[in-house]
PDB file of N, CA and C in Angstrom:
ATOM      1  N   MET A   1      57.269  44.300 -59.818  1.00  0.00           N
ATOM      2  CA  MET A   1      56.582  45.053 -58.791  1.00  0.00           C
ATOM      3  C   MET A   1      55.090  44.990 -59.060  1.00  0.00           C
ATOM      4  N   THR A   2      54.329  44.539 -58.106  1.00  0.00           N
ATOM      5  CA  THR A   2      52.884  44.432 -58.260  1.00  0.00           C
ATOM      6  C   THR A   2      52.195  45.423 -57.345  1.00  0.00           C
ATOM      7  N   GLY A   3      50.906  45.623 -57.602  1.00  0.00           N
ATOM      8  CA  GLY A   3      50.157  46.538 -56.757  1.00  0.00           C
ATOM      9  C   GLY A   3      50.141  47.938 -57.329  1.00  0.00           C
ATOM     10  N   ARG A   4      49.605  48.841 -56.557  1.00  0.00           N
ATOM     11  CA  ARG A   4      49.467  50.224 -56.997  1.00  0.00           C
ATOM     12  C   ARG A   4      50.737  51.007 -56.707  1.00  0.00           C
ATOM     13  N   PRO A   5      51.094  51.907 -57.603  1.00  0.00           N
ATOM     14  CA  PRO A   5      52.246  52.775 -57.328  1.00  0.00           C
ATOM     15  C   PRO A   5      51.958  53.679 -56.128  1.00  0.00           C
ATOM     16  N   HIS A   6      53.012  54.120 -55.498  1.00  0.00           N
ATOM     17  CA  HIS A   6      52.896  54.936 -54.287  1.00  0.00           C
ATOM     18  C   HIS A   6      52.107  56.216 -54.536  1.00  0.00           C
ATOM     19  N   GLY A   7      52.277  56.838 -55.698  1.00  0.00           N
ATOM     20  CA  GLY A   7      51.597  58.095 -55.999  1.00  0.00           C
ATOM     21  C   GLY A   7      50.088  57.962 -55.992  1.00  0.00           C
ATOM     22  N   LEU A   8      49.571  56.833 -56.460  1.00  0.00           N
ATOM     23  CA  LEU A   8      48.128  56.639 -56.469  1.00  0.00           C
ATOM     24  C   LEU A   8      47.572  56.508 -55.063  1.00  0.00           C
ATOM     25  N   ILE A   9      48.339  55.893 -54.174  1.00  0.00           N
ATOM     26  CA  ILE A   9      47.890  55.758 -52.794  1.00  0.00           C
ATOM     27  C   ILE A   9      47.797  57.140 -52.144  1.00  0.00           C
ATOM     28  N   VAL A  10      48.796  57.961 -52.361  1.00  0.00           N
ATOM     29  CA  VAL A  10      48.781  59.316 -51.798  1.00  0.00           C
ATOM     30  C   VAL A  10      47.644  60.122 -52.392  1.00  0.00           C
ATOM     31  N   ASN A  11      47.421  60.025 -53.697  1.00  0.00           N
ATOM     32  CA  ASN A  11      46.335  60.759 -54.326  1.00  0.00           C
ATOM     33  C   ASN A  11      44.980  60.300 -53.817  1.00  0.00           C
ATOM     34  N   ALA A  12      44.806  59.003 -53.594  1.00  0.00           N
ATOM     35  CA  ALA A  12      43.539  58.502 -53.068  1.00  0.00           C
ATOM     36  C   ALA A  12      43.330  58.961 -51.632  1.00  0.00           C
ATOM     37  N   MET A  13      44.405  59.061 -50.867  1.00  0.00           N
ATOM     38  CA  MET A  13      44.313  59.482 -49.478  1.00  0.00           C
ATOM     39  C   MET A  13      43.979  60.967 -49.370  1.00  0.00           C
ATOM     40  N   TRP A  14      44.461  61.781 -50.297  1.00  0.00           N
ATOM     41  CA  TRP A  14      44.252  63.225 -50.256  1.00  0.00           C
ATOM     42  C   TRP A  14      43.291  63.673 -51.346  1.00  0.00           C
ATOM     43  N   SER A  15      42.230  62.937 -51.591  1.00  0.00           N
ATOM     44  CA  SER A  15      41.278  63.321 -52.622  1.00  0.00           C
ATOM     45  C   SER A  15      40.436  64.504 -52.139  1.00  0.00           C
ATOM     46  N   ARG A  16      39.741  65.116 -53.076  1.00  0.00           N
ATOM     47  CA  ARG A  16      38.916  66.276 -52.755  1.00  0.00           C
ATOM     48  C   ARG A  16      37.802  65.914 -51.789  1.00  0.00           C
ATOM     49  N   ARG A  17      37.291  64.706 -51.896  1.00  0.00           N
ATOM     50  CA  ARG A  17      36.190  64.286 -51.022  1.00  0.00           C
ATOM     51  C   ARG A  17      36.674  63.895 -49.621  1.00  0.00           C
ATOM     52  N   LEU A  18      37.886  63.365 -49.509  1.00  0.00           N
ATOM     53  CA  LEU A  18      38.378  62.918 -48.211  1.00  0.00           C
ATOM     54  C   LEU A  18      39.115  64.002 -47.436  1.00  0.00           C
ATOM     55  N   PHE A  19      39.514  65.076 -48.095  1.00  0.00           N
ATOM     56  CA  PHE A  19      40.296  66.111 -47.410  1.00  0.00           C
ATOM     57  C   PHE A  19      39.561  66.697 -46.203  1.00  0.00           C
ATOM     58  N   PRO A  20      38.258  67.040 -46.308  1.00  0.00           N
ATOM     59  CA  PRO A  20      37.593  67.575 -45.106  1.00  0.00           C
ATOM     60  C   PRO A  20      37.583  66.598 -43.939  1.00  0.00           C
ATOM     61  N   LEU A  21      37.484  65.295 -44.219  1.00  0.00           N
ATOM     62  CA  LEU A  21      37.515  64.310 -43.136  1.00  0.00           C
ATOM     63  C   LEU A  21      38.866  64.309 -42.441  1.00  0.00           C
ATOM     64  N   TRP A  22      39.940  64.323 -43.222  1.00  0.00           N
ATOM     65  CA  TRP A  22      41.289  64.377 -42.641  1.00  0.00           C
ATOM     66  C   TRP A  22      41.494  65.687 -41.878  1.00  0.00           C
ATOM     67  N   PHE A  23      41.080  66.786 -42.485  1.00  0.00           N
ATOM     68  CA  PHE A  23      41.312  68.117 -41.925  1.00  0.00           C
ATOM     69  C   PHE A  23      40.617  68.274 -40.574  1.00  0.00           C
ATOM     70  N   PHE A  24      39.303  68.018 -40.548  1.00  0.00           N
ATOM     71  CA  PHE A  24      38.561  68.204 -39.302  1.00  0.00           C
ATOM     72  C   PHE A  24      38.773  67.042 -38.330  1.00  0.00           C
ATOM     73  N   GLY A  25      39.098  65.861 -38.863  1.00  0.00           N
ATOM     74  CA  GLY A  25      39.429  64.735 -37.989  1.00  0.00           C
ATOM     75  C   GLY A  25      40.702  65.002 -37.194  1.00  0.00           C
ATOM     76  N   LEU A  26      41.693  65.585 -37.859  1.00  0.00           N
ATOM     77  CA  LEU A  26      42.940  65.928 -37.169  1.00  0.00           C
ATOM     78  C   LEU A  26      42.702  67.002 -36.110  1.00  0.00           C
ATOM     79  N   LEU A  27      41.855  67.989 -36.440  1.00  0.00           N
ATOM     80  CA  LEU A  27      41.529  69.034 -35.462  1.00  0.00           C
ATOM     81  C   LEU A  27      40.805  68.429 -34.259  1.00  0.00           C
ATOM     82  N   ALA A  28      39.852  67.541 -34.511  1.00  0.00           N
ATOM     83  CA  ALA A  28      39.107  66.910 -33.417  1.00  0.00           C
ATOM     84  C   ALA A  28      40.044  66.065 -32.553  1.00  0.00           C
ATOM     85  N   ALA A  29      40.944  65.322 -33.187  1.00  0.00           N
ATOM     86  CA  ALA A  29      41.890  64.504 -32.416  1.00  0.00           C
ATOM     87  C   ALA A  29      42.802  65.376 -31.566  1.00  0.00           C
ATOM     88  N   ALA A  30      43.211  66.528 -32.110  1.00  0.00           N
ATOM     89  CA  ALA A  30      44.082  67.425 -31.346  1.00  0.00           C
ATOM     90  C   ALA A  30      43.349  68.027 -30.151  1.00  0.00           C
ATOM     91  N   LEU A  31      42.074  68.395 -30.359  1.00  0.00           N
ATOM     92  CA  LEU A  31      41.326  69.014 -29.275  1.00  0.00           C
ATOM     93  C   LEU A  31      40.907  67.996 -28.215  1.00  0.00           C
ATOM     94  N   ILE A  32      40.470  66.816 -28.660  1.00  0.00           N
ATOM     95  CA  ILE A  32      40.035  65.796 -27.698  1.00  0.00           C
ATOM     96  C   ILE A  32      41.217  65.263 -26.903  1.00  0.00           C
ATOM     97  N   GLY A  33      42.318  64.980 -27.608  1.00  0.00           N
ATOM     98  CA  GLY A  33      43.491  64.432 -26.924  1.00  0.00           C
ATOM     99  C   GLY A  33      44.364  65.490 -26.281  1.00  0.00           C
ATOM    100  N   ARG A  34      44.015  66.753 -26.468  1.00  0.00           N
ATOM    101  CA  ARG A  34      44.796  67.870 -25.932  1.00  0.00           C
ATOM    102  C   ARG A  34      46.273  67.744 -26.300  1.00  0.00           C
ATOM    103  N   SER A  35      46.490  67.429 -27.572  1.00  0.00           N
ATOM    104  CA  SER A  35      47.844  67.227 -28.064  1.00  0.00           C
ATOM    105  C   SER A  35      48.313  68.475 -28.804  1.00  0.00           C
ATOM    106  N   MET A  36      49.333  69.100 -28.277  1.00  0.00           N
ATOM    107  CA  MET A  36      49.878  70.301 -28.909  1.00  0.00           C
ATOM    108  C   MET A  36      50.545  69.951 -30.240  1.00  0.00           C
ATOM    109  N   ALA A  37      51.174  68.787 -30.333  1.00  0.00           N
ATOM    110  CA  ALA A  37      51.840  68.383 -31.573  1.00  0.00           C
ATOM    111  C   ALA A  37      50.829  68.218 -32.706  1.00  0.00           C
ATOM    112  N   LEU A  38      49.685  67.580 -32.418  1.00  0.00           N
ATOM    113  CA  LEU A  38      48.650  67.427 -33.445  1.00  0.00           C
ATOM    114  C   LEU A  38      48.058  68.777 -33.828  1.00  0.00           C
ATOM    115  N   PHE A  39      47.910  69.659 -32.854  1.00  0.00           N
ATOM    116  CA  PHE A  39      47.364  70.981 -33.149  1.00  0.00           C
ATOM    117  C   PHE A  39      48.325  71.785 -34.025  1.00  0.00           C
ATOM    118  N   VAL A  40      49.611  71.696 -33.763  1.00  0.00           N
ATOM    119  CA  VAL A  40      50.603  72.385 -34.599  1.00  0.00           C
ATOM    120  C   VAL A  40      50.595  71.788 -36.006  1.00  0.00           C
ATOM    121  N   LEU A  41      50.462  70.477 -36.105  1.00  0.00           N
ATOM    122  CA  LEU A  41      50.354  69.827 -37.414  1.00  0.00           C
ATOM    123  C   LEU A  41      49.114  70.326 -38.153  1.00  0.00           C
ATOM    124  N   TRP A  42      47.982  70.469 -37.433  1.00  0.00           N
ATOM    125  CA  TRP A  42      46.767  70.990 -38.044  1.00  0.00           C
ATOM    126  C   TRP A  42      46.964  72.436 -38.509  1.00  0.00           C
ATOM    127  N   LEU A  43      47.646  73.252 -37.709  1.00  0.00           N
ATOM    128  CA  LEU A  43      47.911  74.637 -38.112  1.00  0.00           C
ATOM    129  C   LEU A  43      48.763  74.698 -39.380  1.00  0.00           C
ATOM    130  N   ILE A  44      49.750  73.827 -39.490  1.00  0.00           N
ATOM    131  CA  ILE A  44      50.586  73.781 -40.694  1.00  0.00           C
ATOM    132  C   ILE A  44      49.743  73.369 -41.891  1.00  0.00           C
ATOM    133  N   LEU A  45      48.867  72.391 -41.703  1.00  0.00           N
ATOM    134  CA  LEU A  45      47.976  71.947 -42.775  1.00  0.00           C
ATOM    135  C   LEU A  45      47.018  73.068 -43.178  1.00  0.00           C
ATOM    136  N   ALA A  46      46.480  73.806 -42.216  1.00  0.00           N
ATOM    137  CA  ALA A  46      45.567  74.908 -42.503  1.00  0.00           C
ATOM    138  C   ALA A  46      46.287  76.036 -43.244  1.00  0.00           C
ATOM    139  N   ALA A  47      47.508  76.347 -42.851  1.00  0.00           N
ATOM    140  CA  ALA A  47      48.273  77.393 -43.539  1.00  0.00           C
ATOM    141  C   ALA A  47      48.596  76.963 -44.971  1.00  0.00           C
ATOM    142  N   GLY A  48      48.955  75.701 -45.151  1.00  0.00           N
ATOM    143  CA  GLY A  48      49.220  75.193 -46.497  1.00  0.00           C
ATOM    144  C   GLY A  48      47.984  75.249 -47.375  1.00  0.00           C
ATOM    145  N   TYR A  49      46.814  74.944 -46.796  1.00  0.00           N
ATOM    146  CA  TYR A  49      45.568  75.019 -47.549  1.00  0.00           C
ATOM    147  C   TYR A  49      45.247  76.461 -47.944  1.00  0.00           C
ATOM    148  N   ALA A  50      45.484  77.411 -47.042  1.00  0.00           N
ATOM    149  CA  ALA A  50      45.232  78.815 -47.349  1.00  0.00           C
ATOM    150  C   ALA A  50      46.147  79.306 -48.474  1.00  0.00           C
ATOM    151  N   VAL A  51      47.403  78.918 -48.432  1.00  0.00           N
ATOM    152  CA  VAL A  51      48.335  79.286 -49.506  1.00  0.00           C
ATOM    153  C   VAL A  51      47.903  78.638 -50.814  1.00  0.00           C
ATOM    154  N   SER A  52      47.462  77.396 -50.753  1.00  0.00           N
ATOM    155  CA  SER A  52      46.993  76.696 -51.943  1.00  0.00           C
ATOM    156  C   SER A  52      45.774  77.380 -52.551  1.00  0.00           C
ATOM    157  N   LEU A  53      44.885  77.912 -51.715  1.00  0.00           N
ATOM    158  CA  LEU A  53      43.712  78.620 -52.228  1.00  0.00           C
ATOM    159  C   LEU A  53      44.098  79.866 -53.009  1.00  0.00           C
ATOM    160  N   VAL A  54      45.123  80.550 -52.564  1.00  0.00           N
ATOM    161  CA  VAL A  54      45.560  81.763 -53.255  1.00  0.00           C
ATOM    162  C   VAL A  54      46.304  81.414 -54.542  1.00  0.00           C
ATOM    163  N   LEU A  55      47.172  80.405 -54.493  1.00  0.00           N
ATOM    164  CA  LEU A  55      47.960  80.048 -55.674  1.00  0.00           C
ATOM    165  C   LEU A  55      47.164  79.265 -56.707  1.00  0.00           C
ATOM    166  N   HIS A  56      46.244  78.413 -56.266  1.00  0.00           N
ATOM    167  CA  HIS A  56      45.465  77.554 -57.169  1.00  0.00           C
ATOM    168  C   HIS A  56      43.981  77.670 -56.820  1.00  0.00           C
ATOM    169  N   PRO A  57      43.330  78.768 -57.214  1.00  0.00           N
ATOM    170  CA  PRO A  57      41.957  78.992 -56.764  1.00  0.00           C
ATOM    171  C   PRO A  57      40.892  78.203 -57.524  1.00  0.00           C
ATOM    172  N   ARG A  58      41.241  77.565 -58.628  1.00  0.00           N
ATOM    173  CA  ARG A  58      40.235  76.870 -59.415  1.00  0.00           C
ATOM    174  C   ARG A  58      40.470  75.362 -59.421  1.00  0.00           C
ATOM    175  N   ALA A  59      39.386  74.616 -59.667  1.00  0.00           N
ATOM    176  CA  ALA A  59      39.448  73.159 -59.771  1.00  0.00           C
ATOM    177  C   ALA A  59      38.538  72.727 -60.909  1.00  0.00           C
ATOM    178  N   ARG A  60      38.716  71.497 -61.376  1.00  0.00           N
ATOM    179  CA  ARG A  60      37.847  70.962 -62.419  1.00  0.00           C
ATOM    180  C   ARG A  60      36.461  70.703 -61.860  1.00  0.00           C
ATOM    181  N   CYS A  61      35.463  70.971 -62.658  1.00  0.00           N
ATOM    182  CA  CYS A  61      34.088  70.637 -62.290  1.00  0.00           C
ATOM    183  C   CYS A  61      33.938  69.124 -62.344  1.00  0.00           C
ATOM    184  N   THR A  62      33.398  68.524 -61.301  1.00  0.00           N
ATOM    185  CA  THR A  62      33.254  67.067 -61.277  1.00  0.00           C
ATOM    186  C   THR A  62      32.083  66.594 -62.124  1.00  0.00           C
ATOM    187  N   HIS A  63      31.148  67.474 -62.383  1.00  0.00           N
ATOM    188  CA  HIS A  63      29.960  67.096 -63.151  1.00  0.00           C
ATOM    189  C   HIS A  63      30.293  66.883 -64.627  1.00  0.00           C
ATOM    190  N   CYS A  64      31.114  67.763 -65.201  1.00  0.00           N
ATOM    191  CA  CYS A  64      31.448  67.679 -66.632  1.00  0.00           C
ATOM    192  C   CYS A  64      32.900  67.286 -66.865  1.00  0.00           C
ATOM    193  N   ALA A  65      33.636  66.975 -65.812  1.00  0.00           N
ATOM    194  CA  ALA A  65      35.055  66.592 -65.878  1.00  0.00           C
ATOM    195  C   ALA A  65      35.925  67.701 -66.455  1.00  0.00           C
ATOM    196  N   GLY A  66      35.530  68.944 -66.252  1.00  0.00           N
ATOM    197  CA  GLY A  66      36.353  70.073 -66.672  1.00  0.00           C
ATOM    198  C   GLY A  66      36.198  70.472 -68.122  1.00  0.00           C
ATOM    199  N   THR A  67      35.284  69.860 -68.870  1.00  0.00           N
ATOM    200  CA  THR A  67      35.119  70.219 -70.277  1.00  0.00           C
ATOM    201  C   THR A  67      34.187  71.403 -70.455  1.00  0.00           C
ATOM    202  N   GLY A  68      33.265  71.615 -69.530  1.00  0.00           N
ATOM    203  CA  GLY A  68      32.291  72.685 -69.661  1.00  0.00           C
ATOM    204  C   GLY A  68      31.085  72.278 -70.475  1.00  0.00           C
ATOM    205  N   GLU A  69      31.067  71.043 -70.942  1.00  0.00           N
ATOM    206  CA  GLU A  69      29.977  70.564 -71.790  1.00  0.00           C
ATOM    207  C   GLU A  69      29.418  69.257 -71.243  1.00  0.00           C
ATOM    208  N   LEU A  70      28.115  69.086 -71.391  1.00  0.00           N
ATOM    209  CA  LEU A  70      27.466  67.816 -71.072  1.00  0.00           C
ATOM    210  C   LEU A  70      26.937  67.238 -72.370  1.00  0.00           C
ATOM    211  N   LYS A  71      27.257  65.991 -72.643  1.00  0.00           N
ATOM    212  CA  LYS A  71      26.826  65.351 -73.881  1.00  0.00           C
ATOM    213  C   LYS A  71      25.365  64.937 -73.793  1.00  0.00           C
ATOM    214  N   GLY A  72      24.720  64.907 -74.964  1.00  0.00           N
ATOM    215  CA  GLY A  72      23.342  64.456 -75.034  1.00  0.00           C
ATOM    216  C   GLY A  72      23.247  62.964 -74.771  1.00  0.00           C
ATOM    217  N   ARG A  73      22.139  62.538 -74.189  1.00  0.00           N
ATOM    218  CA  ARG A  73      21.981  61.121 -73.871  1.00  0.00           C
ATOM    219  C   ARG A  73      21.594  60.311 -75.098  1.00  0.00           C
ATOM    220  N   ILE A  74      20.822  60.878 -75.979  1.00  0.00           N
ATOM    221  CA  ILE A  74      20.396  60.149 -77.171  1.00  0.00           C
ATOM    222  C   ILE A  74      21.394  60.355 -78.301  1.00  0.00           C
ATOM    223  N   TYR A  75      21.688  61.607 -78.596  1.00  0.00           N
ATOM    224  CA  TYR A  75      22.641  61.934 -79.655  1.00  0.00           C
ATOM    225  C   TYR A  75      23.949  62.347 -78.988  1.00  0.00           C
ATOM    226  N   GLY A  76      24.901  61.439 -78.960  1.00  0.00           N
ATOM    227  CA  GLY A  76      26.139  61.636 -78.219  1.00  0.00           C
ATOM    228  C   GLY A  76      27.014  62.759 -78.738  1.00  0.00           C
ATOM    229  N   TRP A  77      26.828  63.184 -79.976  1.00  0.00           N
ATOM    230  CA  TRP A  77      27.648  64.258 -80.527  1.00  0.00           C
ATOM    231  C   TRP A  77      27.117  65.639 -80.156  1.00  0.00           C
ATOM    232  N   ALA A  78      25.883  65.678 -79.654  1.00  0.00           N
ATOM    233  CA  ALA A  78      25.301  66.954 -79.242  1.00  0.00           C
ATOM    234  C   ALA A  78      25.725  67.246 -77.803  1.00  0.00           C
ATOM    235  N   HIS A  79      25.807  68.517 -77.474  1.00  0.00           N
ATOM    236  CA  HIS A  79      26.194  68.878 -76.119  1.00  0.00           C
ATOM    237  C   HIS A  79      25.539  70.186 -75.707  1.00  0.00           C
ATOM    238  N   ARG A  80      25.575  70.459 -74.438  1.00  0.00           N
ATOM    239  CA  ARG A  80      25.077  71.720 -73.875  1.00  0.00           C
ATOM    240  C   ARG A  80      26.054  72.188 -72.817  1.00  0.00           C
ATOM    241  N   ARG A  81      25.935  73.416 -72.428  1.00  0.00           N
ATOM    242  CA  ARG A  81      26.816  73.984 -71.413  1.00  0.00           C
ATOM    243  C   ARG A  81      26.496  73.377 -70.053  1.00  0.00           C
ATOM    244  N   CYS A  82      27.526  73.107 -69.287  1.00  0.00           N
ATOM    245  CA  CYS A  82      27.354  72.533 -67.946  1.00  0.00           C
ATOM    246  C   CYS A  82      26.685  73.581 -67.049  1.00  0.00           C
ATOM    247  N   PRO A  83      25.531  73.252 -66.445  1.00  0.00           N
ATOM    248  CA  PRO A  83      24.837  74.240 -65.613  1.00  0.00           C
ATOM    249  C   PRO A  83      25.529  74.512 -64.280  1.00  0.00           C
ATOM    250  N   ARG A  84      26.399  73.614 -63.850  1.00  0.00           N
ATOM    251  CA  ARG A  84      27.058  73.810 -62.562  1.00  0.00           C
ATOM    252  C   ARG A  84      28.224  74.781 -62.635  1.00  0.00           C
ATOM    253  N   CYS A  85      29.051  74.641 -63.670  1.00  0.00           N
ATOM    254  CA  CYS A  85      30.283  75.437 -63.692  1.00  0.00           C
ATOM    255  C   CYS A  85      30.264  76.543 -64.743  1.00  0.00           C
ATOM    256  N   GLN A  86      29.396  76.467 -65.707  1.00  0.00           N
ATOM    257  CA  GLN A  86      29.304  77.464 -66.776  1.00  0.00           C
ATOM    258  C   GLN A  86      30.609  77.614 -67.556  1.00  0.00           C
ATOM    259  N   GLY A  87      31.380  76.536 -67.683  1.00  0.00           N
ATOM    260  CA  GLY A  87      32.580  76.656 -68.495  1.00  0.00           C
ATOM    261  C   GLY A  87      33.724  75.717 -68.175  1.00  0.00           C
ATOM    262  N   GLY A  88      33.611  74.810 -67.239  1.00  0.00           N
ATOM    263  CA  GLY A  88      34.653  73.819 -67.031  1.00  0.00           C
ATOM    264  C   GLY A  88      35.421  73.925 -65.730  1.00  0.00           C
ATOM    265  N   ARG A  89      35.657  75.121 -65.251  1.00  0.00           N
ATOM    266  CA  ARG A  89      36.407  75.292 -64.007  1.00  0.00           C
ATOM    267  C   ARG A  89      35.513  75.920 -62.952  1.00  0.00           C
ATOM    268  N   ILE A  90      35.687  75.472 -61.732  1.00  0.00           N
ATOM    269  CA  ILE A  90      34.949  76.061 -60.625  1.00  0.00           C
ATOM    270  C   ILE A  90      35.944  76.716 -59.675  1.00  0.00           C
ATOM    271  N   VAL A  91      35.495  77.718 -58.989  1.00  0.00           N
ATOM    272  CA  VAL A  91      36.330  78.380 -57.989  1.00  0.00           C
ATOM    273  C   VAL A  91      36.157  77.595 -56.692  1.00  0.00           C
ATOM    274  N   ARG A  92      37.264  77.226 -56.075  1.00  0.00           N
ATOM    275  CA  ARG A  92      37.214  76.442 -54.846  1.00  0.00           C
ATOM    276  C   ARG A  92      36.497  77.218 -53.747  1.00  0.00           C
ATOM    277  N   ARG A  93      35.852  76.478 -52.841  1.00  0.00           N
ATOM    278  CA  ARG A  93      35.026  77.114 -51.809  1.00  0.00           C
ATOM    279  C   ARG A  93      35.780  78.157 -50.993  1.00  0.00           C
ATOM    280  N   GLY A  94      36.938  77.825 -50.513  1.00  0.00           N
ATOM    281  CA  GLY A  94      37.682  78.763 -49.674  1.00  0.00           C
ATOM    282  C   GLY A  94      38.203  79.966 -50.441  1.00  0.00           C
ATOM    283  N   ALA A  95      38.428  79.802 -51.758  1.00  0.00           N
ATOM    284  CA  ALA A  95      38.951  80.906 -52.555  1.00  0.00           C
ATOM    285  C   ALA A  95      37.921  82.009 -52.737  1.00  0.00           C
ATOM    286  N   THR A  96      36.645  81.696 -52.565  1.00  0.00           N
ATOM    287  CA  THR A  96      35.626  82.744 -52.656  1.00  0.00           C
ATOM    288  C   THR A  96      35.682  83.670 -51.444  1.00  0.00           C
ATOM    289  N   ALA A  97      36.283  83.203 -50.351  1.00  0.00           N
ATOM    290  CA  ALA A  97      36.376  84.016 -49.139  1.00  0.00           C
ATOM    291  C   ALA A  97      37.751  84.665 -48.976  1.00  0.00           C
ATOM    292  N   ILE A  98      38.837  83.902 -49.209  1.00  0.00           N
ATOM    293  CA  ILE A  98      40.162  84.458 -48.943  1.00  0.00           C
ATOM    294  C   ILE A  98      41.022  84.565 -50.194  1.00  0.00           C
ATOM    295  N   GLY A  99      40.416  84.340 -51.367  1.00  0.00           N
ATOM    296  CA  GLY A  99      41.183  84.419 -52.601  1.00  0.00           C
ATOM    297  C   GLY A  99      41.466  85.849 -53.016  1.00  0.00           C
ATOM    298  N   LEU A 100      42.147  85.991 -54.125  1.00  0.00           N
ATOM    299  CA  LEU A 100      42.438  87.311 -54.665  1.00  0.00           C
ATOM    300  C   LEU A 100      41.150  87.970 -55.166  1.00  0.00           C
ATOM    301  N   PRO A 101      41.124  89.303 -55.272  1.00  0.00           N
ATOM    302  CA  PRO A 101      39.878  89.997 -55.637  1.00  0.00           C
ATOM    303  C   PRO A 101      39.285  89.550 -56.977  1.00  0.00           C
ATOM    304  N   HIS A 102      40.121  89.322 -57.981  1.00  0.00           N
ATOM    305  CA  HIS A 102      39.558  88.925 -59.277  1.00  0.00           C
ATOM    306  C   HIS A 102      38.964  87.520 -59.230  1.00  0.00           C
ATOM    307  N   VAL A 103      39.470  86.662 -58.349  1.00  0.00           N
ATOM    308  CA  VAL A 103      38.909  85.316 -58.197  1.00  0.00           C
ATOM    309  C   VAL A 103      37.561  85.400 -57.486  1.00  0.00           C
ATOM    310  N   ARG A 104      37.466  86.236 -56.469  1.00  0.00           N
ATOM    311  CA  ARG A 104      36.184  86.418 -55.780  1.00  0.00           C
ATOM    312  C   ARG A 104      35.137  86.998 -56.716  1.00  0.00           C
ATOM    313  N   GLN A 105      35.560  87.939 -57.582  1.00  0.00           N
ATOM    314  CA  GLN A 105      34.647  88.518 -58.559  1.00  0.00           C
ATOM    315  C   GLN A 105      34.166  87.446 -59.535  1.00  0.00           C
ATOM    316  N   GLN A 106      35.067  86.596 -59.988  1.00  0.00           N
ATOM    317  CA  GLN A 106      34.682  85.524 -60.900  1.00  0.00           C
ATOM    318  C   GLN A 106      33.706  84.562 -60.220  1.00  0.00           C
ATOM    319  N   ALA A 107      33.920  84.263 -58.970  1.00  0.00           N
ATOM    320  CA  ALA A 107      33.012  83.371 -58.238  1.00  0.00           C
ATOM    321  C   ALA A 107      31.617  83.983 -58.154  1.00  0.00           C
ATOM    322  N   ARG A 108      31.539  85.283 -57.914  1.00  0.00           N
ATOM    323  CA  ARG A 108      30.235  85.954 -57.878  1.00  0.00           C
ATOM    324  C   ARG A 108      29.553  85.887 -59.237  1.00  0.00           C
ATOM    325  N   GLN A 109      30.318  86.096 -60.316  1.00  0.00           N
ATOM    326  CA  GLN A 109      29.747  86.040 -61.657  1.00  0.00           C
ATOM    327  C   GLN A 109      29.242  84.637 -61.993  1.00  0.00           C
ATOM    328  N   ILE A 110      30.001  83.615 -61.623  1.00  0.00           N
ATOM    329  CA  ILE A 110      29.579  82.235 -61.885  1.00  0.00           C
ATOM    330  C   ILE A 110      28.318  81.913 -61.094  1.00  0.00           C
ATOM    331  N   ARG A 111      28.265  82.331 -59.839  1.00  0.00           N
ATOM    332  CA  ARG A 111      27.084  82.089 -59.017  1.00  0.00           C
ATOM    333  C   ARG A 111      25.865  82.780 -59.607  1.00  0.00           C
ATOM    334  N   GLN A 112      26.038  84.027 -60.078  1.00  0.00           N
ATOM    335  CA  GLN A 112      24.936  84.763 -60.681  1.00  0.00           C
ATOM    336  C   GLN A 112      24.469  84.099 -61.979  1.00  0.00           C
ATOM    337  N   ALA A 113      25.408  83.642 -62.802  1.00  0.00           N
ATOM    338  CA  ALA A 113      25.041  82.960 -64.052  1.00  0.00           C
ATOM    339  C   ALA A 113      24.285  81.668 -63.759  1.00  0.00           C
ATOM    340  N   ARG A 114      24.711  80.933 -62.723  1.00  0.00           N
ATOM    341  CA  ARG A 114      24.020  79.700 -62.347  1.00  0.00           C
ATOM    342  C   ARG A 114      22.604  80.000 -61.885  1.00  0.00           C
ATOM    343  N   GLU A 115      22.437  81.066 -61.103  1.00  0.00           N
ATOM    344  CA  GLU A 115      21.103  81.440 -60.634  1.00  0.00           C
ATOM    345  C   GLU A 115      20.223  81.868 -61.801  1.00  0.00           C
ATOM    346  N   ASN A 116      20.779  82.627 -62.751  1.00  0.00           N
ATOM    347  CA  ASN A 116      20.000  83.049 -63.920  1.00  0.00           C
ATOM    348  C   ASN A 116      19.581  81.849 -64.760  1.00  0.00           C
ATOM    349  N   THR A 117      20.491  80.896 -64.932  1.00  0.00           N
ATOM    350  CA  THR A 117      20.181  79.700 -65.709  1.00  0.00           C
ATOM    351  C   THR A 117      19.071  78.908 -65.037  1.00  0.00           C
ATOM    352  N   THR A 118      19.139  78.784 -63.731  1.00  0.00           N
ATOM    353  CA  THR A 118      18.124  78.029 -62.998  1.00  0.00           C
ATOM    354  C   THR A 118      16.781  78.735 -63.045  1.00  0.00           C
ATOM    355  N   THR A 119      16.768  80.060 -62.922  1.00  0.00           N
ATOM    356  CA  THR A 119      15.504  80.795 -62.910  1.00  0.00           C
ATOM    357  C   THR A 119      14.825  80.743 -64.282  1.00  0.00           C
ATOM    358  N   ARG A 120      15.610  80.865 -65.316  1.00  0.00           N
ATOM    359  CA  ARG A 120      15.023  80.828 -66.669  1.00  0.00           C
ATOM    360  C   ARG A 120      14.776  79.409 -67.143  1.00  0.00           C
ATOM    361  N   GLN A 121      15.322  78.433 -66.437  1.00  0.00           N
ATOM    362  CA  GLN A 121      15.226  77.013 -66.787  1.00  0.00           C
ATOM    363  C   GLN A 121      15.727  76.766 -68.202  1.00  0.00           C
ATOM    364  N   ARG A 122      16.843  77.381 -68.515  1.00  0.00           N
ATOM    365  CA  ARG A 122      17.491  77.186 -69.810  1.00  0.00           C
ATOM    366  C   ARG A 122      18.916  76.784 -69.571  1.00  0.00           C
ATOM    367  N   TRP A 123      19.368  75.861 -70.363  1.00  0.00           N
ATOM    368  CA  TRP A 123      20.738  75.405 -70.257  1.00  0.00           C
ATOM    369  C   TRP A 123      21.403  75.623 -71.570  1.00  0.00           C
TER     370      TRP A 123
END
């Protein structure tokens, strides 16, 4: 068997960067084509995304690959805290609005820590 396994194709199709294109593209196709079937499919996708936000509110930071550390450019063994995520995991965008209360609180704390780091210009 040659080529890519089926799982990789599905993962590439539903990546974090392509999901908004699929999501809003399906909505646009349903509205432009006035297709009730596409609109129902979009509603099912939206409900699944909302449930996913509640069950899995965090994702890996793409800047540090989920480690929470950025390595030094000259001395590779040295590291500093990732200024974007402050620890490796980020709260997904939708979870800050419809997530559980403790997840929303964590998102506020991470945002505040990021603002403090930027204002003091310390990492």
